[in-house]
């Protein structure tokens, strides 16, 4: 979070615009812009330009990937089976990672009152 604050303080609206091209960083940069009280009009310009770039990339490259999938691998039973296997594997893996993380979280103390 501190790094996002530094980037927003240094670059301002361009940092907000470029944050739309990354997953996860966008949330931190937007939060940092709010914490640093970036003027709303600057934030809106950055968010608008970043949204335009994101939409352009998503609507060209993203649709091209979907079209290639539908035209190629998805046209066969094996393609759909492969997609299902990948989905199941990803679900199992994410479940195990989440379970391991939950097991390492320390328990909260029993008395949480402020004294």
C-alpha atoms as a PDB file:
ATOM      1  CA  UNK A   1       0.000   0.000   0.000  1.00  0.00           C
ATOM      2  CA  UNK A   2       2.838   2.372   0.813  1.00  0.00           C
ATOM      3  CA  UNK A   3       4.301   1.804  -2.632  1.00  0.00           C
ATOM      4  CA  UNK A   4       0.972   2.679  -4.270  1.00  0.00           C
ATOM      5  CA  UNK A   5       0.858   5.893  -2.222  1.00  0.00           C
ATOM      6  CA  UNK A   6       4.343   6.781  -3.439  1.00  0.00           C
ATOM      7  CA  UNK A   7       3.406   6.145  -7.071  1.00  0.00           C
ATOM      8  CA  UNK A   8       0.202   8.191  -6.823  1.00  0.00           C
ATOM      9  CA  UNK A   9       1.972  11.043  -5.025  1.00  0.00           C
ATOM     10  CA  UNK A  10       4.684  11.125  -7.678  1.00  0.00           C
ATOM     11  CA  UNK A  11       2.729  10.544 -10.909  1.00  0.00           C
ATOM     12  CA  UNK A  12      -0.880  11.438 -10.064  1.00  0.00           C
ATOM     13  CA  UNK A  13      -3.544  10.824 -12.721  1.00  0.00           C
ATOM     14  CA  UNK A  14      -1.224   8.904 -15.109  1.00  0.00           C
ATOM     15  CA  UNK A  15      -0.681   6.358 -12.323  1.00  0.00           C
ATOM     16  CA  UNK A  16      -4.439   5.933 -12.036  1.00  0.00           C
ATOM     17  CA  UNK A  17      -4.753   5.494 -15.811  1.00  0.00           C
ATOM     18  CA  UNK A  18      -1.958   2.903 -16.010  1.00  0.00           C
ATOM     19  CA  UNK A  19      -3.311   1.017 -13.005  1.00  0.00           C
ATOM     20  CA  UNK A  20      -6.185  -0.207 -15.167  1.00  0.00           C
ATOM     21  CA  UNK A  21      -3.700  -2.375 -17.068  1.00  0.00           C
ATOM     22  CA  UNK A  22      -2.778  -4.408 -14.000  1.00  0.00           C
ATOM     23  CA  UNK A  23      -4.776  -6.730 -11.803  1.00  0.00           C
ATOM     24  CA  UNK A  24      -4.647  -5.980  -8.093  1.00  0.00           C
ATOM     25  CA  UNK A  25      -2.538  -2.853  -8.452  1.00  0.00           C
ATOM     26  CA  UNK A  26      -5.605  -0.946  -9.619  1.00  0.00           C
ATOM     27  CA  UNK A  27      -7.323  -1.352  -6.247  1.00  0.00           C
ATOM     28  CA  UNK A  28      -4.253  -0.205  -4.323  1.00  0.00           C
ATOM     29  CA  UNK A  29      -3.690   2.815  -6.573  1.00  0.00           C
ATOM     30  CA  UNK A  30      -7.349   3.866  -6.401  1.00  0.00           C
ATOM     31  CA  UNK A  31      -7.317   3.522  -2.619  1.00  0.00           C
ATOM     32  CA  UNK A  32      -4.073   5.497  -2.389  1.00  0.00           C
ATOM     33  CA  UNK A  33      -5.553   8.245  -4.572  1.00  0.00           C
ATOM     34  CA  UNK A  34      -8.429   8.542  -2.120  1.00  0.00           C
ATOM     35  CA  UNK A  35      -6.214   8.461   0.951  1.00  0.00           C
ATOM     36  CA  UNK A  36      -3.969  11.162  -0.524  1.00  0.00           C
ATOM     37  CA  UNK A  37      -7.046  13.230  -1.402  1.00  0.00           C
ATOM     38  CA  UNK A  38      -6.264  13.460  -5.108  1.00  0.00           C
ATOM     39  CA  UNK A  39      -8.597  16.070  -6.617  1.00  0.00           C
ATOM     40  CA  UNK A  40     -11.670  14.357  -8.004  1.00  0.00           C
ATOM     41  CA  UNK A  41     -11.354  15.881 -11.478  1.00  0.00           C
ATOM     42  CA  UNK A  42      -7.770  14.544 -11.816  1.00  0.00           C
ATOM     43  CA  UNK A  43      -8.825  11.107 -10.620  1.00  0.00           C
ATOM     44  CA  UNK A  44     -11.773  11.065 -13.035  1.00  0.00           C
ATOM     45  CA  UNK A  45      -9.567  11.990 -16.000  1.00  0.00           C
ATOM     46  CA  UNK A  46      -7.109   9.223 -15.113  1.00  0.00           C
ATOM     47  CA  UNK A  47      -9.889   6.692 -14.519  1.00  0.00           C
ATOM     48  CA  UNK A  48     -11.642   7.640 -17.766  1.00  0.00           C
ATOM     49  CA  UNK A  49      -8.483   7.304 -19.877  1.00  0.00           C
ATOM     50  CA  UNK A  50      -7.490   4.085 -18.137  1.00  0.00           C
ATOM     51  CA  UNK A  51     -10.968   2.659 -18.700  1.00  0.00           C
ATOM     52  CA  UNK A  52     -10.795   3.510 -22.400  1.00  0.00           C
ATOM     53  CA  UNK A  53      -7.447   1.768 -22.796  1.00  0.00           C
ATOM     54  CA  UNK A  54      -8.637  -1.247 -20.798  1.00  0.00           C
ATOM     55  CA  UNK A  55     -11.824  -1.512 -22.861  1.00  0.00           C
ATOM     56  CA  UNK A  56      -9.897  -1.256 -26.118  1.00  0.00           C
ATOM     57  CA  UNK A  57      -7.512  -4.029 -25.106  1.00  0.00           C
ATOM     58  CA  UNK A  58     -10.264  -6.237 -23.706  1.00  0.00           C
ATOM     59  CA  UNK A  59     -12.517  -5.800 -26.725  1.00  0.00           C
ATOM     60  CA  UNK A  60      -9.762  -6.606 -29.225  1.00  0.00           C
ATOM     61  CA  UNK A  61      -7.304  -9.040 -27.669  1.00  0.00           C
ATOM     62  CA  UNK A  62      -9.836 -10.563 -25.261  1.00  0.00           C
ATOM     63  CA  UNK A  63     -12.388 -11.268 -27.951  1.00  0.00           C
ATOM     64  CA  UNK A  64      -9.678 -12.597 -30.267  1.00  0.00           C
ATOM     65  CA  UNK A  65      -8.687 -15.149 -27.627  1.00  0.00           C
ATOM     66  CA  UNK A  66     -12.307 -16.208 -27.113  1.00  0.00           C
ATOM     67  CA  UNK A  67     -12.842 -16.483 -30.881  1.00  0.00           C
ATOM     68  CA  UNK A  68      -9.697 -18.591 -31.227  1.00  0.00           C
ATOM     69  CA  UNK A  69     -10.902 -20.863 -28.431  1.00  0.00           C
ATOM     70  CA  UNK A  70     -14.364 -21.266 -29.905  1.00  0.00           C
ATOM     71  CA  UNK A  71     -13.010 -21.809 -33.397  1.00  0.00           C
ATOM     72  CA  UNK A  72     -10.242 -24.157 -32.300  1.00  0.00           C
ATOM     73  CA  UNK A  73     -10.203 -26.251 -29.181  1.00  0.00           C
ATOM     74  CA  UNK A  74     -13.812 -25.675 -28.149  1.00  0.00           C
ATOM     75  CA  UNK A  75     -15.099 -27.162 -31.354  1.00  0.00           C
ATOM     76  CA  UNK A  76     -14.091 -30.651 -30.169  1.00  0.00           C
ATOM     77  CA  UNK A  77     -15.166 -32.746 -27.224  1.00  0.00           C
ATOM     78  CA  UNK A  78     -11.529 -32.997 -26.136  1.00  0.00           C
ATOM     79  CA  UNK A  79     -11.269 -29.229 -25.943  1.00  0.00           C
ATOM     80  CA  UNK A  80     -14.237 -29.005 -23.588  1.00  0.00           C
ATOM     81  CA  UNK A  81     -12.895 -31.893 -21.521  1.00  0.00           C
ATOM     82  CA  UNK A  82      -9.529 -30.143 -21.263  1.00  0.00           C
ATOM     83  CA  UNK A  83     -11.230 -26.933 -20.166  1.00  0.00           C
ATOM     84  CA  UNK A  84     -13.221 -28.842 -17.541  1.00  0.00           C
ATOM     85  CA  UNK A  85     -10.091 -30.585 -16.265  1.00  0.00           C
ATOM     86  CA  UNK A  86      -8.254 -27.281 -15.972  1.00  0.00           C
ATOM     87  CA  UNK A  87     -11.233 -25.750 -14.133  1.00  0.00           C
ATOM     88  CA  UNK A  88     -11.468 -28.641 -11.691  1.00  0.00           C
ATOM     89  CA  UNK A  89      -7.704 -28.644 -11.136  1.00  0.00           C
ATOM     90  CA  UNK A  90      -7.683 -24.911 -10.497  1.00  0.00           C
ATOM     91  CA  UNK A  91     -10.572 -25.213  -8.050  1.00  0.00           C
ATOM     92  CA  UNK A  92      -8.868 -28.011  -6.112  1.00  0.00           C
ATOM     93  CA  UNK A  93      -5.564 -26.129  -6.013  1.00  0.00           C
ATOM     94  CA  UNK A  94      -7.160 -22.871  -4.825  1.00  0.00           C
ATOM     95  CA  UNK A  95      -9.118 -24.756  -2.157  1.00  0.00           C
ATOM     96  CA  UNK A  96      -5.934 -26.318  -0.804  1.00  0.00           C
ATOM     97  CA  UNK A  97      -4.088 -22.998  -0.775  1.00  0.00           C
ATOM     98  CA  UNK A  98      -6.979 -21.323   1.075  1.00  0.00           C
ATOM     99  CA  UNK A  99      -7.179 -24.174   3.584  1.00  0.00           C
ATOM    100  CA  UNK A 100      -3.415 -23.972   4.284  1.00  0.00           C
ATOM    101  CA  UNK A 101      -3.608 -20.223   4.807  1.00  0.00           C
ATOM    102  CA  UNK A 102      -6.520 -20.586   7.206  1.00  0.00           C
ATOM    103  CA  UNK A 103      -4.581 -23.114   9.251  1.00  0.00           C
ATOM    104  CA  UNK A 104      -1.667 -20.677   9.706  1.00  0.00           C
ATOM    105  CA  UNK A 105      -3.822 -17.758  10.904  1.00  0.00           C
ATOM    106  CA  UNK A 106      -3.315 -17.245  14.652  1.00  0.00           C
ATOM    107  CA  UNK A 107      -6.377 -17.494  16.836  1.00  0.00           C
ATOM    108  CA  UNK A 108      -7.800 -14.309  18.303  1.00  0.00           C
ATOM    109  CA  UNK A 109      -7.538 -13.847  22.061  1.00  0.00           C
ATOM    110  CA  UNK A 110     -10.686 -14.686  23.979  1.00  0.00           C
ATOM    111  CA  UNK A 111     -10.987 -11.301  25.656  1.00  0.00           C
ATOM    112  CA  UNK A 112     -11.302  -8.621  22.972  1.00  0.00           C
ATOM    113  CA  UNK A 113     -12.597  -5.871  25.231  1.00  0.00           C
ATOM    114  CA  UNK A 114     -10.788  -2.553  25.336  1.00  0.00           C
ATOM    115  CA  UNK A 115      -9.666  -1.773  28.854  1.00  0.00           C
END
